[in-house]
Structures are given as structure tokens and as C-alpha cells.
Amino acid sequence: MHAMTAAHRTLPLGTIVRVTNLQTGHTALVGLPTRSVHPGRVLDLSLAAAHKVDVYLPGVAEVRVEVMKPQRRSRRREWAVQIGSLA
């Protein structure tokens, strides 16, 4: 909640993205340690990232998402499982 993170549906976990609020021009670099669970949203920002990008009060805003550092995939056959329990 207090880290500069966000959640995205399709980008690889660990990717770093720049999020820009199109209305105010505020930007932030955030990591993607988890997946998004809200349908219809491109990105779910943490509380700290929402403050930095000036989305905290409106709650929803149009943003530009730019991949800055994609997560590198190993050439070895590795995989990971992410499990969540949501009410």
C-alpha cells in the first residue's frame, strides 16, 4: 500500500512502468508485483502511487502506461504460480 507499485492484467510480474496522468501530467515509476483484479481497469495503483500520480482524490483517471524495464525471462524452463483468495 505504501510502496510505489501497481497491478496489471497482462504485463509480466516484475515489470517497471511509467504511469502518467493525462490530465495533470504527474508521473511515477512503479513496479508490477501482482495482477489486477478489477475488470475494466488498465492499472490498479497502490496508495503511494495514486498520491504521486494525483489520482488519489478522483479515484479513476486516464493514464498513459509506458514499459520502462520489462521483466527478463530466463532461457531455462522456469515457471511460477501466483495464488490468491479473494472474497
C-alpha atoms as a PDB file:
ATOM      1  CA  MET A   1       0.000   0.000   0.000  1.00  0.00           C
ATOM      2  CA  HIS A   2       2.856   2.410   0.794  1.00  0.00           C
ATOM      3  CA  ALA A   3       5.218   1.134  -1.923  1.00  0.00           C
ATOM      4  CA  MET A   4       5.352   2.501  -5.469  1.00  0.00           C
ATOM      5  CA  THR A   5       3.538  -0.447  -7.038  1.00  0.00           C
ATOM      6  CA  ALA A   6       0.640  -1.222  -9.333  1.00  0.00           C
ATOM      7  CA  ALA A   7      -1.214  -4.227 -10.718  1.00  0.00           C
ATOM      8  CA  HIS A   8      -1.758  -5.021 -14.403  1.00  0.00           C
ATOM      9  CA  ARG A   9      -3.611  -7.891 -16.091  1.00  0.00           C
ATOM     10  CA  THR A  10      -1.120  -8.925 -18.795  1.00  0.00           C
ATOM     11  CA  LEU A  11       2.328  -7.385 -18.313  1.00  0.00           C
ATOM     12  CA  PRO A  12       4.887  -9.763 -16.747  1.00  0.00           C
ATOM     13  CA  LEU A  13       5.281  -9.578 -12.977  1.00  0.00           C
ATOM     14  CA  GLY A  14       8.324  -7.509 -12.019  1.00  0.00           C
ATOM     15  CA  THR A  15       7.998  -5.095 -14.950  1.00  0.00           C
ATOM     16  CA  ILE A  16       8.715  -1.408 -14.252  1.00  0.00           C
ATOM     17  CA  VAL A  17       6.329   1.088 -15.907  1.00  0.00           C
ATOM     18  CA  ARG A  18       5.993   4.870 -16.036  1.00  0.00           C
ATOM     19  CA  VAL A  19       2.435   5.999 -15.326  1.00  0.00           C
ATOM     20  CA  THR A  20       1.418   9.496 -16.483  1.00  0.00           C
ATOM     21  CA  ASN A  21      -1.857  11.158 -15.514  1.00  0.00           C
ATOM     22  CA  LEU A  22      -3.028  12.656 -18.824  1.00  0.00           C
ATOM     23  CA  GLN A  23      -4.991  15.439 -17.138  1.00  0.00           C
ATOM     24  CA  THR A  24      -2.345  16.716 -14.697  1.00  0.00           C
ATOM     25  CA  GLY A  25       0.906  15.476 -16.245  1.00  0.00           C
ATOM     26  CA  HIS A  26       2.106  13.936 -12.970  1.00  0.00           C
ATOM     27  CA  THR A  27       4.229  10.803 -13.445  1.00  0.00           C
ATOM     28  CA  ALA A  28       5.583   7.936 -11.344  1.00  0.00           C
ATOM     29  CA  LEU A  29       7.698   4.842 -11.878  1.00  0.00           C
ATOM     30  CA  VAL A  30       6.025   1.787 -10.395  1.00  0.00           C
ATOM     31  CA  GLY A  31       6.735  -1.925 -10.229  1.00  0.00           C
ATOM     32  CA  LEU A  32       4.196  -4.607 -11.064  1.00  0.00           C
ATOM     33  CA  PRO A  33       4.439  -7.280  -8.343  1.00  0.00           C
ATOM     34  CA  THR A  34       0.858  -8.563  -8.712  1.00  0.00           C
ATOM     35  CA  ARG A  35      -2.101  -8.950 -11.075  1.00  0.00           C
ATOM     36  CA  SER A  36      -5.125  -6.683 -11.392  1.00  0.00           C
ATOM     37  CA  VAL A  37      -8.491  -7.929 -10.167  1.00  0.00           C
ATOM     38  CA  HIS A  38     -10.782  -5.081 -11.227  1.00  0.00           C
ATOM     39  CA  PRO A  39     -12.431  -5.554 -14.628  1.00  0.00           C
ATOM     40  CA  GLY A  40     -12.398  -2.553 -16.928  1.00  0.00           C
ATOM     41  CA  ARG A  41      -9.244  -1.003 -15.461  1.00  0.00           C
ATOM     42  CA  VAL A  42      -5.869  -0.992 -17.155  1.00  0.00           C
ATOM     43  CA  LEU A  43      -3.902  -0.447 -13.966  1.00  0.00           C
ATOM     44  CA  ASP A  44      -4.561  -0.527 -10.225  1.00  0.00           C
ATOM     45  CA  LEU A  45      -2.225   1.814  -8.331  1.00  0.00           C
ATOM     46  CA  SER A  46      -1.096   1.467  -4.734  1.00  0.00           C
ATOM     47  CA  LEU A  47      -1.979   4.294  -2.348  1.00  0.00           C
ATOM     48  CA  ALA A  48       1.526   5.811  -2.616  1.00  0.00           C
ATOM     49  CA  ALA A  49       1.487   5.667  -6.429  1.00  0.00           C
ATOM     50  CA  ALA A  50      -2.032   7.140  -6.563  1.00  0.00           C
ATOM     51  CA  HIS A  51      -0.857  10.126  -4.497  1.00  0.00           C
ATOM     52  CA  LYS A  52       2.218  10.628  -6.711  1.00  0.00           C
ATOM     53  CA  VAL A  53       0.205  10.486  -9.955  1.00  0.00           C
ATOM     54  CA  ASP A  54      -2.549  12.681  -8.469  1.00  0.00           C
ATOM     55  CA  VAL A  55      -5.272  10.055  -8.802  1.00  0.00           C
ATOM     56  CA  TYR A  56      -5.970   9.680  -5.077  1.00  0.00           C
ATOM     57  CA  LEU A  57      -8.953  12.042  -4.802  1.00  0.00           C
ATOM     58  CA  PRO A  58     -10.711  11.322  -8.119  1.00  0.00           C
ATOM     59  CA  GLY A  59     -10.051   7.588  -7.747  1.00  0.00           C
ATOM     60  CA  VAL A  60     -10.052   6.944 -11.504  1.00  0.00           C
ATOM     61  CA  ALA A  61      -8.207   8.824 -14.253  1.00  0.00           C
ATOM     62  CA  GLU A  62      -6.968   8.393 -17.803  1.00  0.00           C
ATOM     63  CA  VAL A  63      -3.288   7.496 -17.752  1.00  0.00           C
ATOM     64  CA  ARG A  64      -0.522   6.578 -20.166  1.00  0.00           C
ATOM     65  CA  VAL A  65       1.431   3.427 -19.262  1.00  0.00           C
ATOM     66  CA  GLU A  66       4.955   3.083 -20.709  1.00  0.00           C
ATOM     67  CA  VAL A  67       7.076  -0.017 -20.125  1.00  0.00           C
ATOM     68  CA  MET A  68      10.481   1.155 -18.865  1.00  0.00           C
ATOM     69  CA  LYS A  69      12.103  -2.140 -17.857  1.00  0.00           C
ATOM     70  CA  PRO A  70      10.481  -5.395 -18.930  1.00  0.00           C
ATOM     71  CA  GLN A  71      10.983  -8.413 -16.726  1.00  0.00           C
ATOM     72  CA  ARG A  72      13.598 -10.643 -18.359  1.00  0.00           C
ATOM     73  CA  ARG A  73      12.656 -14.236 -18.803  1.00  0.00           C
ATOM     74  CA  SER A  74      15.184 -16.963 -18.239  1.00  0.00           C
ATOM     75  CA  ARG A  75      16.148 -19.318 -21.059  1.00  0.00           C
ATOM     76  CA  ARG A  76      15.746 -22.193 -18.647  1.00  0.00           C
ATOM     77  CA  ARG A  77      12.339 -23.795 -18.277  1.00  0.00           C
ATOM     78  CA  GLU A  78      11.147 -21.975 -15.183  1.00  0.00           C
ATOM     79  CA  TRP A  79       7.657 -21.052 -14.148  1.00  0.00           C
ATOM     80  CA  ALA A  80       5.878 -19.545 -11.198  1.00  0.00           C
ATOM     81  CA  VAL A  81       2.415 -19.825  -9.720  1.00  0.00           C
ATOM     82  CA  GLN A  82       0.593 -16.917  -8.116  1.00  0.00           C
ATOM     83  CA  ILE A  83      -2.295 -17.876  -5.869  1.00  0.00           C
ATOM     84  CA  GLY A  84      -4.856 -15.567  -4.300  1.00  0.00           C
ATOM     85  CA  SER A  85      -8.018 -15.946  -2.318  1.00  0.00           C
ATOM     86  CA  LEU A  86     -10.436 -13.080  -2.817  1.00  0.00           C
ATOM     87  CA  ALA A  87     -13.812 -12.560  -1.233  1.00  0.00           C
END
